[in-house]
Amino acid sequence: MKPIGQVEPSKRRTVVISGAESVVCFLGWVVVFALGSDRPVPPGFWKLVVLVGVLLVVQFLYVRRLLADMLLAQPTFRRNEVMFAVAGVSLAVLTGWWWHTDFTGMAGVIWLVVVAVVGLVYGTVLWTVNRTFVRVFCGRIRANVR
């Protein structure tokens, strides 16, 4: 094991935290979607599970960067909100394309706004959770970063 003062333990912790968050979020989203779906689960449900999996791989990579920036006391909230708003709009467009749904007119605007707002709320919750992690583990992690 490397002595305190090396960066490796901090990297390991950020990977563990972001990995744990991604697994919990994946399971949570799939359970929420399964509870809200018809019985039996529709045949296209697997597309939603794949989409959630891809989004959470991206989240895993993003949270590692977010935690590193938070540990270095970089401003992250505004960038986080922009990233999740863009992700929400991208997700709305992607789902419309993948399910071959015509989202023109008011239905498309409502879909775009709803998914973008859900993305913003999710981004705010994710930022708050990670900010709490940094504050709770700050002493131990900061000692390994300096």
N, C-alpha and C. Protein backbone atom coordinates (compact mmCIF):
# COMPACT_ATOMS: atom_id res chain seq x y z
N MET A 1 0.84 -1.18 0.00
CA MET A 1 0.00 0.00 0.00
C MET A 1 0.88 1.23 0.00
N LYS A 2 0.50 2.22 -0.77
CA LYS A 2 1.29 3.44 -0.88
C LYS A 2 1.09 4.32 0.34
N PRO A 3 2.10 5.08 0.71
CA PRO A 3 1.97 5.96 1.88
C PRO A 3 1.00 7.10 1.62
N ILE A 4 0.51 7.69 2.71
CA ILE A 4 -0.38 8.83 2.60
C ILE A 4 0.37 9.96 1.91
N GLY A 5 -0.31 10.66 1.04
CA GLY A 5 0.34 11.70 0.24
C GLY A 5 0.33 11.32 -1.23
N GLN A 6 0.07 10.05 -1.52
CA GLN A 6 -0.05 9.60 -2.90
C GLN A 6 -1.50 9.77 -3.34
N VAL A 7 -1.72 9.88 -4.63
CA VAL A 7 -3.06 10.12 -5.15
C VAL A 7 -3.86 8.83 -5.32
N GLU A 8 -3.25 7.68 -5.37
CA GLU A 8 -3.93 6.42 -5.68
C GLU A 8 -5.12 6.10 -4.77
N PRO A 9 -5.02 6.23 -3.44
CA PRO A 9 -6.19 5.92 -2.61
C PRO A 9 -7.38 6.81 -2.94
N SER A 10 -7.13 8.07 -3.30
CA SER A 10 -8.22 8.97 -3.65
C SER A 10 -8.89 8.51 -4.94
N LYS A 11 -8.12 8.12 -5.92
CA LYS A 11 -8.68 7.63 -7.18
C LYS A 11 -9.50 6.37 -6.94
N ARG A 12 -9.01 5.51 -6.09
CA ARG A 12 -9.72 4.27 -5.78
C ARG A 12 -11.05 4.59 -5.12
N ARG A 13 -11.06 5.54 -4.19
CA ARG A 13 -12.31 5.91 -3.52
C ARG A 13 -13.31 6.52 -4.49
N THR A 14 -12.84 7.38 -5.39
CA THR A 14 -13.77 7.98 -6.34
C THR A 14 -14.36 6.92 -7.27
N VAL A 15 -13.55 5.93 -7.64
CA VAL A 15 -14.07 4.85 -8.49
C VAL A 15 -15.09 4.02 -7.73
N VAL A 16 -14.80 3.72 -6.47
CA VAL A 16 -15.74 2.94 -5.66
C VAL A 16 -17.05 3.70 -5.45
N ILE A 17 -16.95 5.00 -5.12
CA ILE A 17 -18.16 5.80 -4.90
C ILE A 17 -18.97 5.91 -6.18
N SER A 18 -18.33 6.24 -7.30
CA SER A 18 -19.08 6.39 -8.54
C SER A 18 -19.63 5.05 -9.03
N GLY A 19 -18.91 3.97 -8.81
CA GLY A 19 -19.41 2.65 -9.19
C GLY A 19 -20.61 2.24 -8.36
N ALA A 20 -20.54 2.48 -7.06
CA ALA A 20 -21.66 2.15 -6.17
C ALA A 20 -22.89 2.98 -6.53
N GLU A 21 -22.69 4.27 -6.79
CA GLU A 21 -23.82 5.12 -7.19
C GLU A 21 -24.46 4.61 -8.48
N SER A 22 -23.63 4.24 -9.45
CA SER A 22 -24.17 3.78 -10.73
C SER A 22 -24.97 2.49 -10.58
N VAL A 23 -24.48 1.55 -9.79
CA VAL A 23 -25.20 0.29 -9.59
C VAL A 23 -26.53 0.54 -8.88
N VAL A 24 -26.50 1.35 -7.81
CA VAL A 24 -27.72 1.64 -7.07
C VAL A 24 -28.72 2.38 -7.96
N CYS A 25 -28.25 3.35 -8.73
CA CYS A 25 -29.14 4.10 -9.62
C CYS A 25 -29.72 3.20 -10.71
N PHE A 26 -28.90 2.32 -11.28
CA PHE A 26 -29.39 1.41 -12.32
C PHE A 26 -30.51 0.54 -11.77
N LEU A 27 -30.25 -0.08 -10.64
CA LEU A 27 -31.28 -0.94 -10.05
C LEU A 27 -32.52 -0.14 -9.67
N GLY A 28 -32.33 1.04 -9.12
CA GLY A 28 -33.46 1.89 -8.74
C GLY A 28 -34.31 2.29 -9.93
N TRP A 29 -33.67 2.75 -11.02
CA TRP A 29 -34.43 3.16 -12.20
C TRP A 29 -35.16 1.98 -12.82
N VAL A 30 -34.51 0.83 -12.92
CA VAL A 30 -35.18 -0.33 -13.52
C VAL A 30 -36.37 -0.77 -12.67
N VAL A 31 -36.23 -0.75 -11.35
CA VAL A 31 -37.34 -1.12 -10.48
C VAL A 31 -38.49 -0.12 -10.61
N VAL A 32 -38.17 1.17 -10.64
CA VAL A 32 -39.21 2.20 -10.79
C VAL A 32 -39.94 2.03 -12.12
N PHE A 33 -39.19 1.81 -13.19
CA PHE A 33 -39.84 1.63 -14.50
C PHE A 33 -40.65 0.33 -14.54
N ALA A 34 -40.15 -0.74 -13.90
CA ALA A 34 -40.89 -2.00 -13.89
C ALA A 34 -42.18 -1.87 -13.08
N LEU A 35 -42.12 -1.14 -11.97
CA LEU A 35 -43.32 -0.94 -11.17
C LEU A 35 -44.36 -0.10 -11.92
N GLY A 36 -43.91 0.80 -12.77
CA GLY A 36 -44.83 1.65 -13.51
C GLY A 36 -45.32 1.06 -14.81
N SER A 37 -44.79 -0.08 -15.19
CA SER A 37 -45.18 -0.67 -16.48
C SER A 37 -46.36 -1.62 -16.31
N ASP A 38 -46.87 -2.07 -17.45
CA ASP A 38 -47.97 -3.03 -17.45
C ASP A 38 -47.47 -4.39 -17.00
N ARG A 39 -48.45 -5.26 -16.66
CA ARG A 39 -48.11 -6.63 -16.33
C ARG A 39 -48.67 -7.53 -17.41
N PRO A 40 -47.94 -8.41 -17.99
CA PRO A 40 -46.49 -8.58 -17.89
C PRO A 40 -45.76 -7.41 -18.55
N VAL A 41 -44.49 -7.31 -18.26
CA VAL A 41 -43.68 -6.21 -18.78
C VAL A 41 -43.72 -6.25 -20.31
N PRO A 42 -43.92 -5.10 -20.97
CA PRO A 42 -44.00 -5.07 -22.43
C PRO A 42 -42.70 -5.55 -23.09
N PRO A 43 -42.81 -6.06 -24.33
CA PRO A 43 -41.62 -6.58 -25.02
C PRO A 43 -40.54 -5.53 -25.26
N GLY A 44 -40.90 -4.26 -25.37
CA GLY A 44 -39.91 -3.21 -25.61
C GLY A 44 -39.22 -2.71 -24.35
N PHE A 45 -39.53 -3.30 -23.20
CA PHE A 45 -38.96 -2.86 -21.93
C PHE A 45 -37.44 -3.00 -21.91
N TRP A 46 -36.92 -3.99 -22.63
CA TRP A 46 -35.47 -4.21 -22.66
C TRP A 46 -34.75 -2.99 -23.24
N LYS A 47 -35.41 -2.27 -24.18
CA LYS A 47 -34.79 -1.08 -24.74
C LYS A 47 -34.57 -0.03 -23.65
N LEU A 48 -35.53 0.09 -22.76
CA LEU A 48 -35.41 1.03 -21.66
C LEU A 48 -34.29 0.63 -20.71
N VAL A 49 -34.16 -0.67 -20.44
CA VAL A 49 -33.09 -1.15 -19.57
C VAL A 49 -31.73 -0.89 -20.21
N VAL A 50 -31.61 -1.13 -21.50
CA VAL A 50 -30.35 -0.85 -22.20
C VAL A 50 -30.02 0.64 -22.16
N LEU A 51 -31.02 1.47 -22.39
CA LEU A 51 -30.82 2.92 -22.37
C LEU A 51 -30.39 3.40 -20.98
N VAL A 52 -31.02 2.88 -19.94
CA VAL A 52 -30.62 3.23 -18.57
C VAL A 52 -29.19 2.76 -18.30
N GLY A 53 -28.85 1.59 -18.78
CA GLY A 53 -27.48 1.09 -18.60
C GLY A 53 -26.45 1.98 -19.28
N VAL A 54 -26.74 2.41 -20.50
CA VAL A 54 -25.80 3.31 -21.21
C VAL A 54 -25.68 4.64 -20.47
N LEU A 55 -26.80 5.18 -20.03
CA LEU A 55 -26.76 6.46 -19.30
C LEU A 55 -25.97 6.34 -18.01
N LEU A 56 -26.06 5.20 -17.34
CA LEU A 56 -25.36 5.07 -16.08
C LEU A 56 -23.87 4.77 -16.27
N VAL A 57 -23.47 4.22 -17.41
CA VAL A 57 -22.04 4.13 -17.72
C VAL A 57 -21.48 5.54 -17.91
N VAL A 58 -22.23 6.37 -18.61
CA VAL A 58 -21.82 7.77 -18.78
C VAL A 58 -21.79 8.47 -17.42
N GLN A 59 -22.79 8.20 -16.58
CA GLN A 59 -22.80 8.79 -15.24
C GLN A 59 -21.59 8.34 -14.43
N PHE A 60 -21.21 7.07 -14.52
CA PHE A 60 -20.04 6.57 -13.81
C PHE A 60 -18.79 7.36 -14.18
N LEU A 61 -18.61 7.57 -15.48
CA LEU A 61 -17.44 8.33 -15.93
C LEU A 61 -17.53 9.79 -15.51
N TYR A 62 -18.71 10.36 -15.56
CA TYR A 62 -18.89 11.76 -15.18
C TYR A 62 -18.69 11.97 -13.69
N VAL A 63 -19.21 11.08 -12.86
CA VAL A 63 -19.10 11.24 -11.41
C VAL A 63 -17.65 11.17 -10.97
N ARG A 64 -16.85 10.36 -11.61
CA ARG A 64 -15.42 10.34 -11.27
C ARG A 64 -14.81 11.71 -11.47
N ARG A 65 -15.12 12.36 -12.57
CA ARG A 65 -14.62 13.71 -12.85
C ARG A 65 -15.21 14.73 -11.88
N LEU A 66 -16.51 14.59 -11.61
CA LEU A 66 -17.18 15.51 -10.69
C LEU A 66 -16.57 15.44 -9.29
N LEU A 67 -16.34 14.24 -8.79
CA LEU A 67 -15.74 14.09 -7.46
C LEU A 67 -14.33 14.67 -7.42
N ALA A 68 -13.57 14.44 -8.48
CA ALA A 68 -12.22 15.00 -8.52
C ALA A 68 -12.25 16.53 -8.49
N ASP A 69 -13.16 17.13 -9.25
CA ASP A 69 -13.28 18.59 -9.24
C ASP A 69 -13.78 19.10 -7.90
N MET A 70 -14.70 18.39 -7.27
CA MET A 70 -15.18 18.80 -5.96
C MET A 70 -14.07 18.74 -4.92
N LEU A 71 -13.25 17.71 -5.01
CA LEU A 71 -12.13 17.59 -4.07
C LEU A 71 -11.13 18.72 -4.24
N LEU A 72 -11.00 19.23 -5.44
CA LEU A 72 -10.08 20.33 -5.70
C LEU A 72 -10.76 21.69 -5.51
N ALA A 73 -11.98 21.68 -4.96
CA ALA A 73 -12.76 22.89 -4.66
C ALA A 73 -13.05 23.71 -5.91
N GLN A 74 -13.28 23.03 -7.03
CA GLN A 74 -13.67 23.70 -8.26
C GLN A 74 -15.17 23.96 -8.25
N PRO A 75 -15.64 25.05 -8.86
CA PRO A 75 -17.09 25.25 -8.95
C PRO A 75 -17.70 24.24 -9.93
N THR A 76 -18.70 23.51 -9.47
CA THR A 76 -19.22 22.42 -10.29
C THR A 76 -20.72 22.46 -10.51
N PHE A 77 -21.47 23.23 -9.73
CA PHE A 77 -22.93 23.15 -9.79
C PHE A 77 -23.48 23.59 -11.15
N ARG A 78 -23.06 24.74 -11.64
CA ARG A 78 -23.59 25.25 -12.90
C ARG A 78 -23.26 24.33 -14.07
N ARG A 79 -22.01 23.86 -14.12
CA ARG A 79 -21.61 22.93 -15.18
C ARG A 79 -22.42 21.64 -15.09
N ASN A 80 -22.66 21.16 -13.87
CA ASN A 80 -23.45 19.96 -13.67
C ASN A 80 -24.86 20.13 -14.22
N GLU A 81 -25.48 21.26 -13.92
CA GLU A 81 -26.85 21.50 -14.39
C GLU A 81 -26.91 21.59 -15.92
N VAL A 82 -25.94 22.23 -16.53
CA VAL A 82 -25.91 22.32 -18.00
C VAL A 82 -25.74 20.93 -18.60
N MET A 83 -24.84 20.13 -18.01
CA MET A 83 -24.61 18.78 -18.53
C MET A 83 -25.88 17.93 -18.46
N PHE A 84 -26.61 18.03 -17.36
CA PHE A 84 -27.81 17.21 -17.21
C PHE A 84 -28.97 17.75 -18.04
N ALA A 85 -29.02 19.05 -18.28
CA ALA A 85 -30.04 19.59 -19.19
C ALA A 85 -29.79 19.09 -20.61
N VAL A 86 -28.54 19.14 -21.05
CA VAL A 86 -28.18 18.62 -22.37
C VAL A 86 -28.46 17.12 -22.45
N ALA A 87 -28.15 16.40 -21.39
CA ALA A 87 -28.42 14.96 -21.36
C ALA A 87 -29.92 14.69 -21.45
N GLY A 88 -30.74 15.49 -20.77
CA GLY A 88 -32.19 15.32 -20.82
C GLY A 88 -32.74 15.56 -22.21
N VAL A 89 -32.30 16.62 -22.86
CA VAL A 89 -32.75 16.91 -24.22
C VAL A 89 -32.28 15.81 -25.17
N SER A 90 -31.04 15.38 -25.02
CA SER A 90 -30.52 14.29 -25.87
C SER A 90 -31.31 13.01 -25.67
N LEU A 91 -31.64 12.72 -24.42
CA LEU A 91 -32.42 11.52 -24.13
C LEU A 91 -33.81 11.59 -24.74
N ALA A 92 -34.45 12.76 -24.68
CA ALA A 92 -35.78 12.92 -25.27
C ALA A 92 -35.72 12.69 -26.78
N VAL A 93 -34.72 13.26 -27.43
CA VAL A 93 -34.57 13.08 -28.88
C VAL A 93 -34.24 11.63 -29.21
N LEU A 94 -33.35 11.02 -28.44
CA LEU A 94 -32.95 9.63 -28.69
C LEU A 94 -34.13 8.67 -28.53
N THR A 95 -34.91 8.84 -27.48
CA THR A 95 -36.05 7.93 -27.29
C THR A 95 -37.09 8.12 -28.38
N GLY A 96 -37.31 9.35 -28.82
CA GLY A 96 -38.23 9.58 -29.92
C GLY A 96 -37.77 8.90 -31.20
N TRP A 97 -36.47 8.96 -31.44
CA TRP A 97 -35.91 8.32 -32.64
C TRP A 97 -35.96 6.80 -32.52
N TRP A 98 -35.59 6.27 -31.34
CA TRP A 98 -35.48 4.83 -31.16
C TRP A 98 -36.84 4.15 -31.22
N TRP A 99 -37.86 4.79 -30.66
CA TRP A 99 -39.20 4.20 -30.66
C TRP A 99 -40.01 4.64 -31.87
N HIS A 100 -39.39 5.33 -32.80
CA HIS A 100 -40.03 5.76 -34.05
C HIS A 100 -41.33 6.51 -33.77
N THR A 101 -41.27 7.41 -32.81
CA THR A 101 -42.45 8.18 -32.42
C THR A 101 -42.34 9.57 -33.04
N ASP A 102 -43.44 10.05 -33.53
CA ASP A 102 -43.47 11.39 -34.11
C ASP A 102 -43.75 12.39 -33.00
N PHE A 103 -42.72 13.12 -32.58
CA PHE A 103 -42.85 14.08 -31.50
C PHE A 103 -42.93 15.49 -32.03
N THR A 104 -43.59 15.66 -33.17
CA THR A 104 -43.75 17.01 -33.69
C THR A 104 -44.97 17.65 -33.03
N GLY A 105 -45.01 18.94 -33.01
CA GLY A 105 -46.13 19.66 -32.42
C GLY A 105 -46.01 19.75 -30.90
N MET A 106 -47.14 19.94 -30.26
CA MET A 106 -47.17 20.16 -28.82
C MET A 106 -46.72 18.93 -28.04
N ALA A 107 -47.03 17.73 -28.53
CA ALA A 107 -46.60 16.51 -27.84
C ALA A 107 -45.08 16.44 -27.75
N GLY A 108 -44.40 16.84 -28.81
CA GLY A 108 -42.94 16.84 -28.80
C GLY A 108 -42.36 17.86 -27.84
N VAL A 109 -42.98 19.03 -27.79
CA VAL A 109 -42.51 20.07 -26.87
C VAL A 109 -42.70 19.62 -25.42
N ILE A 110 -43.86 19.03 -25.12
CA ILE A 110 -44.12 18.56 -23.76
C ILE A 110 -43.14 17.45 -23.39
N TRP A 111 -42.90 16.50 -24.29
CA TRP A 111 -41.96 15.42 -24.04
C TRP A 111 -40.56 15.98 -23.79
N LEU A 112 -40.13 16.90 -24.61
CA LEU A 112 -38.81 17.50 -24.47
C LEU A 112 -38.67 18.23 -23.14
N VAL A 113 -39.67 19.01 -22.77
CA VAL A 113 -39.61 19.77 -21.52
C VAL A 113 -39.64 18.83 -20.30
N VAL A 114 -40.51 17.84 -20.33
CA VAL A 114 -40.61 16.92 -19.19
C VAL A 114 -39.30 16.16 -18.98
N VAL A 115 -38.73 15.63 -20.05
CA VAL A 115 -37.49 14.86 -19.91
C VAL A 115 -36.32 15.77 -19.52
N ALA A 116 -36.28 16.99 -20.03
CA ALA A 116 -35.22 17.93 -19.65
C ALA A 116 -35.34 18.32 -18.17
N VAL A 117 -36.57 18.54 -17.70
CA VAL A 117 -36.76 18.87 -16.28
C VAL A 117 -36.39 17.69 -15.39
N VAL A 118 -36.76 16.49 -15.78
CA VAL A 118 -36.36 15.30 -15.01
C VAL A 118 -34.83 15.19 -14.98
N GLY A 119 -34.18 15.48 -16.10
CA GLY A 119 -32.72 15.48 -16.14
C GLY A 119 -32.12 16.50 -15.19
N LEU A 120 -32.70 17.70 -15.15
CA LEU A 120 -32.21 18.74 -14.23
C LEU A 120 -32.40 18.33 -12.77
N VAL A 121 -33.56 17.78 -12.45
CA VAL A 121 -33.81 17.36 -11.07
C VAL A 121 -32.85 16.24 -10.69
N TYR A 122 -32.67 15.27 -11.59
CA TYR A 122 -31.74 14.17 -11.32
C TYR A 122 -30.32 14.69 -11.17
N GLY A 123 -29.93 15.64 -11.99
CA GLY A 123 -28.60 16.23 -11.88
C GLY A 123 -28.39 16.96 -10.57
N THR A 124 -29.41 17.66 -10.11
CA THR A 124 -29.32 18.36 -8.83
C THR A 124 -29.19 17.37 -7.68
N VAL A 125 -29.99 16.31 -7.72
CA VAL A 125 -29.90 15.28 -6.67
C VAL A 125 -28.52 14.62 -6.70
N LEU A 126 -28.04 14.27 -7.88
CA LEU A 126 -26.73 13.64 -7.99
C LEU A 126 -25.63 14.55 -7.47
N TRP A 127 -25.68 15.84 -7.80
CA TRP A 127 -24.69 16.79 -7.33
C TRP A 127 -24.73 16.90 -5.80
N THR A 128 -25.95 16.96 -5.25
CA THR A 128 -26.11 17.09 -3.80
C THR A 128 -25.57 15.86 -3.08
N VAL A 129 -25.87 14.68 -3.60
CA VAL A 129 -25.37 13.44 -2.99
C VAL A 129 -23.85 13.41 -3.02
N ASN A 130 -23.26 13.75 -4.16
CA ASN A 130 -21.81 13.72 -4.25
C ASN A 130 -21.16 14.81 -3.41
N ARG A 131 -21.79 15.95 -3.31
CA ARG A 131 -21.27 17.02 -2.45
C ARG A 131 -21.28 16.56 -0.99
N THR A 132 -22.33 15.83 -0.61
CA THR A 132 -22.40 15.28 0.75
C THR A 132 -21.30 14.26 0.97
N PHE A 133 -21.07 13.38 -0.02
CA PHE A 133 -19.98 12.41 0.10
C PHE A 133 -18.64 13.11 0.29
N VAL A 134 -18.40 14.16 -0.47
CA VAL A 134 -17.13 14.88 -0.36
C VAL A 134 -17.00 15.51 1.02
N ARG A 135 -18.08 16.06 1.54
CA ARG A 135 -18.01 16.67 2.87
C ARG A 135 -17.82 15.64 3.97
N VAL A 136 -18.46 14.48 3.83
CA VAL A 136 -18.33 13.44 4.85
C VAL A 136 -16.93 12.83 4.84
N PHE A 137 -16.41 12.54 3.64
CA PHE A 137 -15.12 11.87 3.52
C PHE A 137 -13.98 12.84 3.27
N CYS A 138 -14.24 14.13 3.35
CA CYS A 138 -13.27 15.16 2.96
C CYS A 138 -11.94 15.02 3.69
N GLY A 139 -11.96 14.84 4.97
CA GLY A 139 -10.71 14.76 5.73
C GLY A 139 -9.82 13.64 5.26
N ARG A 140 -10.40 12.47 5.09
CA ARG A 140 -9.61 11.31 4.67
C ARG A 140 -9.16 11.42 3.23
N ILE A 141 -10.04 11.90 2.35
CA ILE A 141 -9.69 11.98 0.94
C ILE A 141 -8.70 13.11 0.69
N ARG A 142 -8.92 14.29 1.27
CA ARG A 142 -8.02 15.42 1.04
C ARG A 142 -6.61 15.11 1.52
N ALA A 143 -6.48 14.34 2.59
CA ALA A 143 -5.14 14.00 3.09
C ALA A 143 -4.39 13.18 2.05
N ASN A 144 -5.10 12.42 1.25
CA ASN A 144 -4.46 11.59 0.23
C ASN A 144 -4.20 12.35 -1.07
N VAL A 145 -4.84 13.50 -1.26
CA VAL A 145 -4.67 14.24 -2.49
C VAL A 145 -3.49 15.20 -2.40
N ARG A 146 -3.27 15.76 -1.26
CA ARG A 146 -2.19 16.76 -1.12
C ARG A 146 -0.81 16.18 -1.22
